[in-house]
PDB file of N, CA and C in Angstrom:
ATOM      1  N   MET A   1       0.579  -1.248   0.091  1.00  0.00           N
ATOM      2  CA  MET A   1      -0.124  -0.159  -0.184  1.00  0.00           C
ATOM      3  C   MET A   1       1.011   0.993  -0.272  1.00  0.00           C
ATOM      4  N   LYS A   2       0.351   2.509  -0.285  1.00  0.00           N
ATOM      5  CA  LYS A   2       2.251   3.780  -0.846  1.00  0.00           C
ATOM      6  C   LYS A   2       1.030   4.398   0.714  1.00  0.00           C
ATOM      7  N   THR A   3       2.210   5.466   0.820  1.00  0.00           N
ATOM      8  CA  THR A   3       1.881   5.885   1.167  1.00  0.00           C
ATOM      9  C   THR A   3       1.249   7.676   0.965  1.00  0.00           C
ATOM     10  N   TRP A   4       0.684   8.282   1.935  1.00  0.00           N
ATOM     11  CA  TRP A   4       0.231   9.663   0.994  1.00  0.00           C
ATOM     12  C   TRP A   4       1.078  10.536   0.150  1.00  0.00           C
ATOM     13  N   THR A   5       2.722  10.150   1.670  1.00  0.00           N
ATOM     14  CA  THR A   5       3.681  11.247   0.446  1.00  0.00           C
ATOM     15  C   THR A   5       3.899   9.956  -1.026  1.00  0.00           C
ATOM     16  N   GLU A   6       4.132   9.399  -1.525  1.00  0.00           N
ATOM     17  CA  GLU A   6       4.110   8.530  -2.245  1.00  0.00           C
ATOM     18  C   GLU A   6       2.467   8.788  -3.843  1.00  0.00           C
ATOM     19  N   TRP A   7       1.432   8.767  -3.108  1.00  0.00           N
ATOM     20  CA  TRP A   7       0.533   9.276  -3.260  1.00  0.00           C
ATOM     21  C   TRP A   7       1.002  11.008  -4.201  1.00  0.00           C
ATOM     22  N   GLN A   8       1.059  11.782  -3.215  1.00  0.00           N
ATOM     23  CA  GLN A   8       2.035  13.242  -3.770  1.00  0.00           C
ATOM     24  C   GLN A   8       2.195  12.766  -4.695  1.00  0.00           C
ATOM     25  N   GLN A   9       3.328  11.990  -4.401  1.00  0.00           N
ATOM     26  CA  GLN A   9       4.384  12.115  -6.197  1.00  0.00           C
ATOM     27  C   GLN A   9       3.317  11.406  -7.433  1.00  0.00           C
ATOM     28  N   GLU A  10       2.662  10.860  -6.729  1.00  0.00           N
ATOM     29  CA  GLU A  10       2.404  10.219  -8.569  1.00  0.00           C
ATOM     30  C   GLU A  10       0.897  11.466  -8.269  1.00  0.00           C
ATOM     31  N   GLU A  11       0.721  12.037  -7.513  1.00  0.00           N
ATOM     32  CA  GLU A  11      -0.521  13.195  -8.550  1.00  0.00           C
ATOM     33  C   GLU A  11       0.498  13.943  -9.314  1.00  0.00           C
ATOM     34  N   ARG A  12       1.614  14.433  -8.590  1.00  0.00           N
ATOM     35  CA  ARG A  12       2.629  15.431  -9.475  1.00  0.00           C
ATOM     36  C   ARG A  12       2.997  15.357 -10.401  1.00  0.00           C
ATOM     37  N   ARG A  13       3.391  13.753 -10.334  1.00  0.00           N
ATOM     38  CA  ARG A  13       3.599  13.100 -11.429  1.00  0.00           C
ATOM     39  C   ARG A  13       2.569  13.083 -12.577  1.00  0.00           C
ATOM     40  N   LEU A  14       1.775  12.968 -12.804  1.00  0.00           N
ATOM     41  CA  LEU A  14       0.267  12.842 -13.089  1.00  0.00           C
ATOM     42  C   LEU A  14      -0.048  14.456 -14.017  1.00  0.00           C
ATOM     43  N   MET A  15      -0.127  15.070 -12.821  1.00  0.00           N
ATOM     44  CA  MET A  15      -0.596  16.635 -12.946  1.00  0.00           C
ATOM     45  C   MET A  15       0.425  17.551 -14.046  1.00  0.00           C
ATOM     46  N   GLY A  16       1.834  17.246 -13.748  1.00  0.00           N
ATOM     47  CA  GLY A  16       2.369  17.618 -15.020  1.00  0.00           C
ATOM     48  C   GLY A  16       2.946  16.761 -16.498  1.00  0.00           C
ATOM     49  N   LYS A  17       1.681  15.907 -16.536  1.00  0.00           N
ATOM     50  CA  LYS A  17       1.660  15.928 -17.654  1.00  0.00           C
ATOM     51  C   LYS A  17       0.188  15.615 -18.564  1.00  0.00           C
ATOM     52  N   GLU A  18      -0.313  16.312 -17.600  1.00  0.00           N
ATOM     53  CA  GLU A  18      -1.719  16.833 -17.513  1.00  0.00           C
ATOM     54  C   GLU A  18      -1.582  18.791 -18.100  1.00  0.00           C
ATOM     55  N   ASP A  19      -0.030  18.263 -18.232  1.00  0.00           N
ATOM     56  CA  ASP A  19       0.402  19.890 -18.594  1.00  0.00           C
ATOM     57  C   ASP A  19       1.125  19.987 -19.613  1.00  0.00           C
ATOM     58  N   GLU A  20       1.462  19.205 -20.140  1.00  0.00           N
ATOM     59  CA  GLU A  20       2.475  18.409 -21.413  1.00  0.00           C
ATOM     60  C   GLU A  20       0.947  18.643 -21.521  1.00  0.00           C
ATOM     61  N   ASN A  21       0.012  18.055 -21.572  1.00  0.00           N
ATOM     62  CA  ASN A  21      -0.596  17.360 -22.693  1.00  0.00           C
ATOM     63  C   ASN A  21      -2.026  18.608 -23.378  1.00  0.00           C
ATOM     64  N   GLN A  22      -1.876  19.703 -21.790  1.00  0.00           N
ATOM     65  CA  GLN A  22      -2.596  20.840 -22.203  1.00  0.00           C
ATOM     66  C   GLN A  22      -1.637  21.820 -23.448  1.00  0.00           C
ATOM     67  N   GLN A  23      -0.494  21.494 -23.430  1.00  0.00           N
ATOM     68  CA  GLN A  23       0.386  22.638 -24.310  1.00  0.00           C
ATOM     69  C   GLN A  23       0.550  21.872 -25.588  1.00  0.00           C
ATOM     70  N   LYS A  24       0.915  20.824 -25.036  1.00  0.00           N
ATOM     71  CA  LYS A  24       0.381  20.162 -27.546  1.00  0.00           C
ATOM     72  C   LYS A  24      -0.946  20.111 -27.952  1.00  0.00           C
ATOM     73  N   ARG A  25      -2.418  20.544 -26.866  1.00  0.00           N
ATOM     74  CA  ARG A  25      -3.179  21.110 -27.250  1.00  0.00           C
ATOM     75  C   ARG A  25      -3.578  22.115 -27.870  1.00  0.00           C
ATOM     76  N   ARG A  26      -3.081  22.887 -26.729  1.00  0.00           N
ATOM     77  CA  ARG A  26      -2.317  24.919 -28.025  1.00  0.00           C
ATOM     78  C   ARG A  26      -1.904  24.479 -29.167  1.00  0.00           C
ATOM     79  N   THR A  27      -0.684  24.270 -29.380  1.00  0.00           N
ATOM     80  CA  THR A  27      -0.355  23.748 -30.123  1.00  0.00           C
ATOM     81  C   THR A  27      -0.650  23.300 -31.481  1.00  0.00           C
ATOM     82  N   VAL A  28      -1.304  22.072 -31.331  1.00  0.00           N
ATOM     83  CA  VAL A  28      -2.578  21.224 -32.324  1.00  0.00           C
ATOM     84  C   VAL A  28      -2.853  22.883 -32.394  1.00  0.00           C
ATOM     85  N   GLN A  29      -3.852  23.660 -31.729  1.00  0.00           N
ATOM     86  CA  GLN A  29      -4.666  24.593 -32.490  1.00  0.00           C
ATOM     87  C   GLN A  29      -4.057  25.899 -32.925  1.00  0.00           C
ATOM     88  N   GLN A  30      -3.002  25.967 -32.370  1.00  0.00           N
ATOM     89  CA  GLN A  30      -2.120  27.274 -32.579  1.00  0.00           C
ATOM     90  C   GLN A  30      -1.525  26.432 -34.955  1.00  0.00           C
ATOM     91  N   LEU A  31      -1.115  25.635 -34.647  1.00  0.00           N
ATOM     92  CA  LEU A  31      -1.311  24.757 -35.631  1.00  0.00           C
ATOM     93  C   LEU A  31      -2.998  24.773 -37.378  1.00  0.00           C
ATOM     94  N   GLN A  32      -3.424  24.307 -36.624  1.00  0.00           N
ATOM     95  CA  GLN A  32      -4.753  24.342 -37.226  1.00  0.00           C
ATOM     96  C   GLN A  32      -5.644  26.168 -37.494  1.00  0.00           C
ATOM     97  N   GLU A  33      -4.949  26.556 -36.959  1.00  0.00           N
ATOM     98  CA  GLU A  33      -5.388  27.671 -37.015  1.00  0.00           C
ATOM     99  C   GLU A  33      -4.312  28.606 -37.599  1.00  0.00           C
ATOM    100  N   ALA A  34      -2.872  28.390 -37.883  1.00  0.00           N
ATOM    101  CA  ALA A  34      -1.897  29.004 -38.546  1.00  0.00           C
ATOM    102  C   ALA A  34      -2.452  28.195 -40.238  1.00  0.00           C
ATOM    103  N   TYR A  35      -3.571  26.661 -40.335  1.00  0.00           N
ATOM    104  CA  TYR A  35      -3.036  26.812 -41.548  1.00  0.00           C
ATOM    105  C   TYR A  35      -4.254  27.229 -42.228  1.00  0.00           C
ATOM    106  N   GLU A  36      -5.029  27.097 -41.702  1.00  0.00           N
ATOM    107  CA  GLU A  36      -6.468  27.936 -42.320  1.00  0.00           C
ATOM    108  C   GLU A  36      -5.999  29.217 -42.868  1.00  0.00           C
ATOM    109  N   ILE A  37      -5.713  30.161 -42.108  1.00  0.00           N
ATOM    110  CA  ILE A  37      -4.853  30.891 -42.860  1.00  0.00           C
ATOM    111  C   ILE A  37      -4.022  31.149 -43.594  1.00  0.00           C
ATOM    112  N   HIS A  38      -3.627  29.950 -43.259  1.00  0.00           N
ATOM    113  CA  HIS A  38      -2.454  29.828 -45.041  1.00  0.00           C
ATOM    114  C   HIS A  38      -3.083  28.656 -46.113  1.00  0.00           C
ATOM    115  N   PHE A  39      -4.103  28.314 -46.094  1.00  0.00           N
ATOM    116  CA  PHE A  39      -4.807  27.236 -46.863  1.00  0.00           C
ATOM    117  C   PHE A  39      -5.823  29.131 -47.983  1.00  0.00           C
ATOM    118  N   ARG A  40      -6.651  29.442 -47.073  1.00  0.00           N
ATOM    119  CA  ARG A  40      -7.131  31.119 -47.216  1.00  0.00           C
ATOM    120  C   ARG A  40      -6.263  31.313 -48.604  1.00  0.00           C
ATOM    121  N   GLN A  41      -5.339  31.062 -47.617  1.00  0.00           N
ATOM    122  CA  GLN A  41      -4.068  32.220 -49.074  1.00  0.00           C
ATOM    123  C   GLN A  41      -3.441  31.177 -49.814  1.00  0.00           C
ATOM    124  N   GLY A  42      -3.500  30.390 -49.900  1.00  0.00           N
ATOM    125  CA  GLY A  42      -3.816  28.963 -51.308  1.00  0.00           C
ATOM    126  C   GLY A  42      -4.448  29.825 -52.250  1.00  0.00           C
ATOM    127  N   LEU A  43      -5.820  29.650 -51.471  1.00  0.00           N
ATOM    128  CA  LEU A  43      -7.046  29.722 -52.306  1.00  0.00           C
ATOM    129  C   LEU A  43      -6.763  30.710 -53.750  1.00  0.00           C
ATOM    130  N   GLN A  44      -6.469  31.957 -52.487  1.00  0.00           N
ATOM    131  CA  GLN A  44      -6.549  33.390 -52.999  1.00  0.00           C
ATOM    132  C   GLN A  44      -5.355  33.139 -54.332  1.00  0.00           C
ATOM    133  N   PHE A  45      -4.507  32.869 -53.634  1.00  0.00           N
ATOM    134  CA  PHE A  45      -3.030  32.124 -54.991  1.00  0.00           C
ATOM    135  C   PHE A  45      -4.377  32.141 -55.639  1.00  0.00           C
ATOM    136  N   VAL A  46      -4.731  30.156 -55.380  1.00  0.00           N
ATOM    137  CA  VAL A  46      -5.222  29.900 -56.932  1.00  0.00           C
ATOM    138  C   VAL A  46      -5.967  30.287 -58.710  1.00  0.00           C
ATOM    139  N   GLU A  47      -6.849  31.102 -56.890  1.00  0.00           N
ATOM    140  CA  GLU A  47      -7.942  32.405 -57.282  1.00  0.00           C
ATOM    141  C   GLU A  47      -7.375  33.065 -59.051  1.00  0.00           C
ATOM    142  N   LYS A  48      -5.926  33.675 -58.329  1.00  0.00           N
ATOM    143  CA  LYS A  48      -5.737  34.406 -58.706  1.00  0.00           C
ATOM    144  C   LYS A  48      -5.068  33.907 -59.680  1.00  0.00           C
ATOM    145  N   VAL A  49      -4.792  32.679 -59.893  1.00  0.00           N
ATOM    146  CA  VAL A  49      -3.248  32.206 -61.243  1.00  0.00           C
ATOM    147  C   VAL A  49      -4.604  31.814 -62.125  1.00  0.00           C
ATOM    148  N   SER A  50      -5.915  31.473 -61.739  1.00  0.00           N
ATOM    149  CA  SER A  50      -6.370  30.688 -62.375  1.00  0.00           C
ATOM    150  C   SER A  50      -7.451  31.568 -63.728  1.00  0.00           C
ATOM    151  N   TRP A  51      -6.904  32.994 -63.579  1.00  0.00           N
ATOM    152  CA  TRP A  51      -7.759  33.912 -64.772  1.00  0.00           C
ATOM    153  C   TRP A  51      -6.321  33.853 -66.040  1.00  0.00           C
ATOM    154  N   GLN A  52      -4.497  33.257 -65.416  1.00  0.00           N
ATOM    155  CA  GLN A  52      -4.103  33.261 -66.206  1.00  0.00           C
ATOM    156  C   GLN A  52      -3.644  32.283 -67.003  1.00  0.00           C
ATOM    157  N   PHE A  53      -4.815  30.690 -66.430  1.00  0.00           N
ATOM    158  CA  PHE A  53      -4.083  29.667 -67.567  1.00  0.00           C
ATOM    159  C   PHE A  53      -5.549  29.617 -67.910  1.00  0.00           C
ATOM    160  N   ARG A  54      -7.225  30.681 -68.011  1.00  0.00           N
ATOM    161  CA  ARG A  54      -7.897  31.001 -68.939  1.00  0.00           C
ATOM    162  C   ARG A  54      -7.701  31.242 -69.152  1.00  0.00           C
ATOM    163  N   LYS A  55      -7.328  31.952 -69.979  1.00  0.00           N
ATOM    164  CA  LYS A  55      -6.548  32.558 -71.138  1.00  0.00           C
ATOM    165  C   LYS A  55      -5.471  31.971 -71.978  1.00  0.00           C
ATOM    166  N   ASN A  56      -5.272  31.163 -71.501  1.00  0.00           N
ATOM    167  CA  ASN A  56      -3.708  29.718 -71.873  1.00  0.00           C
ATOM    168  C   ASN A  56      -4.338  28.665 -72.462  1.00  0.00           C
ATOM    169  N   ASP A  57      -5.929  28.703 -72.341  1.00  0.00           N
ATOM    170  CA  ASP A  57      -6.715  27.327 -72.588  1.00  0.00           C
ATOM    171  C   ASP A  57      -6.337  26.383 -71.803  1.00  0.00           C
ATOM    172  N   GLN A  58      -5.376  26.729 -71.157  1.00  0.00           N
ATOM    173  CA  GLN A  58      -5.723  25.549 -70.072  1.00  0.00           C
ATOM    174  C   GLN A  58      -5.819  25.478 -68.229  1.00  0.00           C
ATOM    175  N   ALA A  59      -8.063  25.407 -68.545  1.00  0.00           N
ATOM    176  CA  ALA A  59      -7.968  25.099 -67.625  1.00  0.00           C
ATOM    177  C   ALA A  59      -8.144  24.143 -66.538  1.00  0.00           C
ATOM    178  N   PHE A  60      -8.308  22.832 -66.992  1.00  0.00           N
ATOM    179  CA  PHE A  60      -8.351  21.544 -67.030  1.00  0.00           C
ATOM    180  C   PHE A  60      -7.252  21.503 -66.796  1.00  0.00           C
ATOM    181  N   LEU A  61      -5.853  22.176 -66.253  1.00  0.00           N
ATOM    182  CA  LEU A  61      -4.496  22.057 -65.443  1.00  0.00           C
ATOM    183  C   LEU A  61      -4.482  23.365 -64.617  1.00  0.00           C
ATOM    184  N   HIS A  62      -5.277  24.129 -64.327  1.00  0.00           N
ATOM    185  CA  HIS A  62      -6.096  24.371 -63.062  1.00  0.00           C
ATOM    186  C   HIS A  62      -7.059  24.025 -62.493  1.00  0.00           C
ATOM    187  N   GLU A  63      -7.681  23.154 -62.873  1.00  0.00           N
ATOM    188  CA  GLU A  63      -8.968  22.280 -62.326  1.00  0.00           C
ATOM    189  C   GLU A  63      -7.944  21.679 -61.800  1.00  0.00           C
ATOM    190  N   GLN A  64      -6.828  20.785 -61.597  1.00  0.00           N
ATOM    191  CA  GLN A  64      -5.919  19.603 -61.177  1.00  0.00           C
ATOM    192  C   GLN A  64      -5.911  20.657 -59.837  1.00  0.00           C
ATOM    193  N   MET A  65      -5.262  21.510 -60.667  1.00  0.00           N
ATOM    194  CA  MET A  65      -4.081  22.111 -58.816  1.00  0.00           C
ATOM    195  C   MET A  65      -5.225  22.438 -58.136  1.00  0.00           C
ATOM    196  N   GLN A  66      -6.067  23.168 -58.484  1.00  0.00           N
ATOM    197  CA  GLN A  66      -6.961  23.369 -57.208  1.00  0.00           C
ATOM    198  C   GLN A  66      -7.152  21.807 -56.836  1.00  0.00           C
ATOM    199  N   GLU A  67      -8.059  20.740 -57.671  1.00  0.00           N
ATOM    200  CA  GLU A  67      -8.550  19.527 -56.759  1.00  0.00           C
ATOM    201  C   GLU A  67      -7.041  18.968 -55.466  1.00  0.00           C
ATOM    202  N   ARG A  68      -5.834  19.240 -56.077  1.00  0.00           N
ATOM    203  CA  ARG A  68      -4.899  18.988 -55.565  1.00  0.00           C
ATOM    204  C   ARG A  68      -4.649  19.719 -54.099  1.00  0.00           C
ATOM    205  N   VAL A  69      -4.942  20.580 -54.527  1.00  0.00           N
ATOM    206  CA  VAL A  69      -5.130  21.869 -53.278  1.00  0.00           C
ATOM    207  C   VAL A  69      -6.281  21.255 -52.737  1.00  0.00           C
ATOM    208  N   PHE A  70      -7.400  21.064 -53.175  1.00  0.00           N
ATOM    209  CA  PHE A  70      -8.288  20.623 -51.994  1.00  0.00           C
ATOM    210  C   PHE A  70      -8.380  19.717 -50.944  1.00  0.00           C
ATOM    211  N   SER A  71      -7.265  18.588 -51.317  1.00  0.00           N
ATOM    212  CA  SER A  71      -7.426  17.302 -51.470  1.00  0.00           C
ATOM    213  C   SER A  71      -6.259  17.211 -50.378  1.00  0.00           C
ATOM    214  N   LEU A  72      -5.127  17.852 -50.419  1.00  0.00           N
ATOM    215  CA  LEU A  72      -4.134  18.360 -49.377  1.00  0.00           C
ATOM    216  C   LEU A  72      -4.445  19.016 -48.215  1.00  0.00           C
ATOM    217  N   SER A  73      -5.371  19.088 -48.532  1.00  0.00           N
ATOM    218  CA  SER A  73      -5.624  20.761 -47.272  1.00  0.00           C
ATOM    219  C   SER A  73      -6.773  19.472 -46.663  1.00  0.00           C
ATOM    220  N   ARG A  74      -7.704  18.864 -47.528  1.00  0.00           N
ATOM    221  CA  ARG A  74      -9.207  17.754 -46.356  1.00  0.00           C
ATOM    222  C   ARG A  74      -7.693  16.988 -45.517  1.00  0.00           C
ATOM    223  N   SER A  75      -6.500  16.417 -46.813  1.00  0.00           N
ATOM    224  CA  SER A  75      -6.038  15.257 -45.680  1.00  0.00           C
ATOM    225  C   SER A  75      -4.767  16.110 -44.512  1.00  0.00           C
ATOM    226  N   THR A  76      -4.314  18.052 -44.170  1.00  0.00           N
ATOM    227  CA  THR A  76      -4.117  17.939 -43.227  1.00  0.00           C
ATOM    228  C   THR A  76      -5.239  17.996 -42.294  1.00  0.00           C
ATOM    229  N   GLN A  77      -6.042  18.223 -42.575  1.00  0.00           N
ATOM    230  CA  GLN A  77      -7.601  19.018 -41.639  1.00  0.00           C
ATOM    231  C   GLN A  77      -8.095  17.632 -40.822  1.00  0.00           C
ATOM    232  N   GLU A  78      -7.628  16.158 -41.684  1.00  0.00           N
ATOM    233  CA  GLU A  78      -7.950  15.750 -40.609  1.00  0.00           C
ATOM    234  C   GLU A  78      -7.318  15.070 -39.979  1.00  0.00           C
ATOM    235  N   HIS A  79      -5.749  15.111 -40.056  1.00  0.00           N
ATOM    236  CA  HIS A  79      -4.479  15.081 -39.018  1.00  0.00           C
ATOM    237  C   HIS A  79      -4.039  15.537 -38.215  1.00  0.00           C
ATOM    238  N   LEU A  80      -4.779  16.927 -38.855  1.00  0.00           N
ATOM    239  CA  LEU A  80      -5.323  17.587 -37.256  1.00  0.00           C
ATOM    240  C   LEU A  80      -6.435  17.116 -36.205  1.00  0.00           C
ATOM    241  N   GLU A  81      -7.014  16.901 -36.711  1.00  0.00           N
ATOM    242  CA  GLU A  81      -8.221  16.487 -36.018  1.00  0.00           C
ATOM    243  C   GLU A  81      -7.969  15.000 -35.454  1.00  0.00           C
ATOM    244  N   VAL A  82      -6.941  15.090 -35.967  1.00  0.00           N
ATOM    245  CA  VAL A  82      -7.002  13.009 -35.647  1.00  0.00           C
ATOM    246  C   VAL A  82      -5.903  14.076 -34.107  1.00  0.00           C
ATOM    247  N   MET A  83      -5.157  13.808 -34.394  1.00  0.00           N
ATOM    248  CA  MET A  83      -4.382  14.729 -33.395  1.00  0.00           C
ATOM    249  C   MET A  83      -5.088  15.273 -32.134  1.00  0.00           C
ATOM    250  N   GLU A  84      -5.835  16.273 -32.520  1.00  0.00           N
ATOM    251  CA  GLU A  84      -6.726  17.024 -31.496  1.00  0.00           C
ATOM    252  C   GLU A  84      -7.101  15.899 -30.511  1.00  0.00           C
ATOM    253  N   GLU A  85      -8.246  14.671 -31.416  1.00  0.00           N
ATOM    254  CA  GLU A  85      -9.294  13.744 -30.095  1.00  0.00           C
ATOM    255  C   GLU A  85      -8.372  13.178 -29.626  1.00  0.00           C
ATOM    256  N   VAL A  86      -6.815  12.726 -30.203  1.00  0.00           N
ATOM    257  CA  VAL A  86      -6.723  11.823 -29.534  1.00  0.00           C
ATOM    258  C   VAL A  86      -5.460  12.747 -28.296  1.00  0.00           C
ATOM    259  N   LEU A  87      -5.266  13.468 -28.052  1.00  0.00           N
ATOM    260  CA  LEU A  87      -5.037  14.440 -27.370  1.00  0.00           C
ATOM    261  C   LEU A  87      -6.158  14.741 -25.744  1.00  0.00           C
ATOM    262  N   GLN A  88      -7.155  14.963 -26.692  1.00  0.00           N
ATOM    263  CA  GLN A  88      -8.118  14.943 -25.679  1.00  0.00           C
ATOM    264  C   GLN A  88      -8.733  14.087 -25.368  1.00  0.00           C
ATOM    265  N   GLN A  89      -8.789  12.433 -26.075  1.00  0.00           N
ATOM    266  CA  GLN A  89      -8.592  11.797 -24.917  1.00  0.00           C
ATOM    267  C   GLN A  89      -7.596  11.110 -23.863  1.00  0.00           C
ATOM    268  N   GLU A  90      -6.616  11.390 -24.763  1.00  0.00           N
ATOM    269  CA  GLU A  90      -5.100  11.525 -23.219  1.00  0.00           C
ATOM    270  C   GLU A  90      -5.629  12.898 -21.955  1.00  0.00           C
ATOM    271  N   LYS A  91      -6.325  14.168 -22.648  1.00  0.00           N
ATOM    272  CA  LYS A  91      -7.055  14.686 -21.628  1.00  0.00           C
ATOM    273  C   LYS A  91      -7.896  14.391 -19.944  1.00  0.00           C
ATOM    274  N   ARG A  92      -8.859  13.143 -21.172  1.00  0.00           N
ATOM    275  CA  ARG A  92      -9.835  12.490 -20.116  1.00  0.00           C
ATOM    276  C   ARG A  92      -9.278  11.014 -19.146  1.00  0.00           C
ATOM    277  N   GLU A  93      -8.667  10.946 -19.676  1.00  0.00           N
ATOM    278  CA  GLU A  93      -7.796   9.910 -19.037  1.00  0.00           C
ATOM    279  C   GLU A  93      -6.693  10.307 -18.317  1.00  0.00           C
ATOM    280  N   LEU A  94      -6.065  10.787 -18.425  1.00  0.00           N
ATOM    281  CA  LEU A  94      -5.257  11.973 -16.715  1.00  0.00           C
ATOM    282  C   LEU A  94      -6.006  12.469 -16.097  1.00  0.00           C
ATOM    283  N   GLU A  95      -6.721  13.617 -16.505  1.00  0.00           N
ATOM    284  CA  GLU A  95      -7.946  13.387 -15.634  1.00  0.00           C
ATOM    285  C   GLU A  95      -8.362  12.466 -14.809  1.00  0.00           C
ATOM    286  N   GLU A  96      -8.577  11.381 -15.274  1.00  0.00           N
ATOM    287  CA  GLU A  96      -9.825  10.527 -14.897  1.00  0.00           C
ATOM    288  C   GLU A  96      -8.158   9.405 -13.228  1.00  0.00           C
ATOM    289  N   GLN A  97      -7.109   9.413 -13.974  1.00  0.00           N
ATOM    290  CA  GLN A  97      -5.895   9.454 -13.330  1.00  0.00           C
ATOM    291  C   GLN A  97      -5.816   9.911 -12.027  1.00  0.00           C
ATOM    292  N   ILE A  98      -6.453  10.915 -12.342  1.00  0.00           N
ATOM    293  CA  ILE A  98      -6.014  12.689 -11.131  1.00  0.00           C
ATOM    294  C   ILE A  98      -7.496  11.864  -9.911  1.00  0.00           C
ATOM    295  N   ASN A  99      -7.906  11.887 -10.570  1.00  0.00           N
ATOM    296  CA  ASN A  99      -9.004  12.168  -9.468  1.00  0.00           C
ATOM    297  C   ASN A  99      -8.611  10.679  -8.796  1.00  0.00           C
ATOM    298  N   GLU A 100      -8.205   9.666  -9.211  1.00  0.00           N
ATOM    299  CA  GLU A 100      -8.754   7.934  -8.697  1.00  0.00           C
ATOM    300  C   GLU A 100      -6.691   8.362  -7.502  1.00  0.00           C
ATOM    301  N   VAL A 101      -6.221   9.281  -8.245  1.00  0.00           N
ATOM    302  CA  VAL A 101      -4.609   8.882  -7.101  1.00  0.00           C
ATOM    303  C   VAL A 101      -5.513  10.145  -5.935  1.00  0.00           C
ATOM    304  N   ALA A 102      -5.925  11.096  -5.659  1.00  0.00           N
ATOM    305  CA  ALA A 102      -6.633  11.485  -5.185  1.00  0.00           C
ATOM    306  C   ALA A 102      -7.486  11.728  -4.339  1.00  0.00           C
ATOM    307  N   TYR A 103      -8.152  10.691  -4.698  1.00  0.00           N
ATOM    308  CA  TYR A 103      -8.828   9.668  -3.536  1.00  0.00           C
ATOM    309  C   TYR A 103      -7.671   9.047  -2.808  1.00  0.00           C
ATOM    310  N   GLU A 104      -7.268   8.316  -3.514  1.00  0.00           N
ATOM    311  CA  GLU A 104      -6.036   7.086  -3.110  1.00  0.00           C
ATOM    312  C   GLU A 104      -5.463   7.892  -1.753  1.00  0.00           C
ATOM    313  N   LYS A 105      -4.998   8.769  -1.820  1.00  0.00           N
ATOM    314  CA  LYS A 105      -4.109   9.683  -1.136  1.00  0.00           C
ATOM    315  C   LYS A 105      -5.228  10.129   0.079  1.00  0.00           C
ATOM    316  N   ARG A 106      -6.078  11.042  -0.131  1.00  0.00           N
ATOM    317  CA  ARG A 106      -6.792  11.013   0.769  1.00  0.00           C
ATOM    318  C   ARG A 106      -7.317  10.208   2.204  1.00  0.00           C
ATOM    319  N   LYS A 107      -7.628   8.728   1.101  1.00  0.00           N
ATOM    320  CA  LYS A 107      -7.915   7.074   1.877  1.00  0.00           C
ATOM    321  C   LYS A 107      -6.467   7.416   2.738  1.00  0.00           C
ATOM    322  N   ALA A 108      -5.248   7.063   2.264  1.00  0.00           N
ATOM    323  CA  ALA A 108      -4.550   6.569   3.234  1.00  0.00           C
ATOM    324  C   ALA A 108      -4.078   8.220   3.851  1.00  0.00           C
ATOM    325  N   PHE A 109      -4.214   9.531   3.560  1.00  0.00           N
ATOM    326  CA  PHE A 109      -4.033   9.954   4.899  1.00  0.00           C
ATOM    327  C   PHE A 109      -4.825   9.728   6.305  1.00  0.00           C
ATOM    328  N   LEU A 110      -5.787   9.715   5.564  1.00  0.00           N
ATOM    329  CA  LEU A 110      -6.978   9.306   6.964  1.00  0.00           C
ATOM    330  C   LEU A 110      -6.249   7.754   7.153  1.00  0.00           C
ATOM    331  N   ASP A 111      -5.542   6.402   6.546  1.00  0.00           N
ATOM    332  CA  ASP A 111      -5.182   5.826   7.095  1.00  0.00           C
ATOM    333  C   ASP A 111      -4.039   6.003   7.704  1.00  0.00           C
ATOM    334  N   GLU A 112      -3.521   6.678   7.749  1.00  0.00           N
ATOM    335  CA  GLU A 112      -2.431   7.100   8.234  1.00  0.00           C
ATOM    336  C   GLU A 112      -2.679   8.341  10.200  1.00  0.00           C
ATOM    337  N   ARG A 113      -2.833   8.812   9.902  1.00  0.00           N
ATOM    338  CA  ARG A 113      -4.046   9.098  10.880  1.00  0.00           C
ATOM    339  C   ARG A 113      -4.656   7.931  12.298  1.00  0.00           C
ATOM    340  N   GLU A 114      -5.508   7.482  11.421  1.00  0.00           N
ATOM    341  CA  GLU A 114      -6.165   6.537  12.324  1.00  0.00           C
ATOM    342  C   GLU A 114      -4.598   4.761  13.031  1.00  0.00           C
ATOM    343  N   ALA A 115      -3.788   4.926  12.363  1.00  0.00           N
ATOM    344  CA  ALA A 115      -2.050   4.077  12.531  1.00  0.00           C
ATOM    345  C   ALA A 115      -2.208   5.718  13.292  1.00  0.00           C
ATOM    346  N   LYS A 116      -2.206   6.430  13.840  1.00  0.00           N
ATOM    347  CA  LYS A 116      -1.707   7.058  14.420  1.00  0.00           C
ATOM    348  C   LYS A 116      -2.362   7.860  15.913  1.00  0.00           C
ATOM    349  N   ALA A 117      -3.862   6.982  15.836  1.00  0.00           N
ATOM    350  CA  ALA A 117      -3.942   7.276  17.017  1.00  0.00           C
ATOM    351  C   ALA A 117      -4.502   6.458  17.506  1.00  0.00           C
TER     352      ALA A 117
END
């Protein structure tokens, strides 16, 4: 059976992991925001370039390029969403573990206090 001190150390370790998880989630969110800005700029560029393709009767090339941009965008967005989901699941698991440790820590405190009495 672990002592209160050991449970305290476990709680600190889990809270550190929770902080790391929060930082990763912030980073993913920042990546998503930056990507959305970049994607909008890319679409604006493709739209501006489309006039050049239309003038040269190469509309199919523009359509291929635009479809490729959309495909890469979907893939990137899906990847970022998966990363976010994984980190959210990790967050929930860490919260559950922290709650369990807090319970065990209180229980150990009461057991130690009872043993001294």
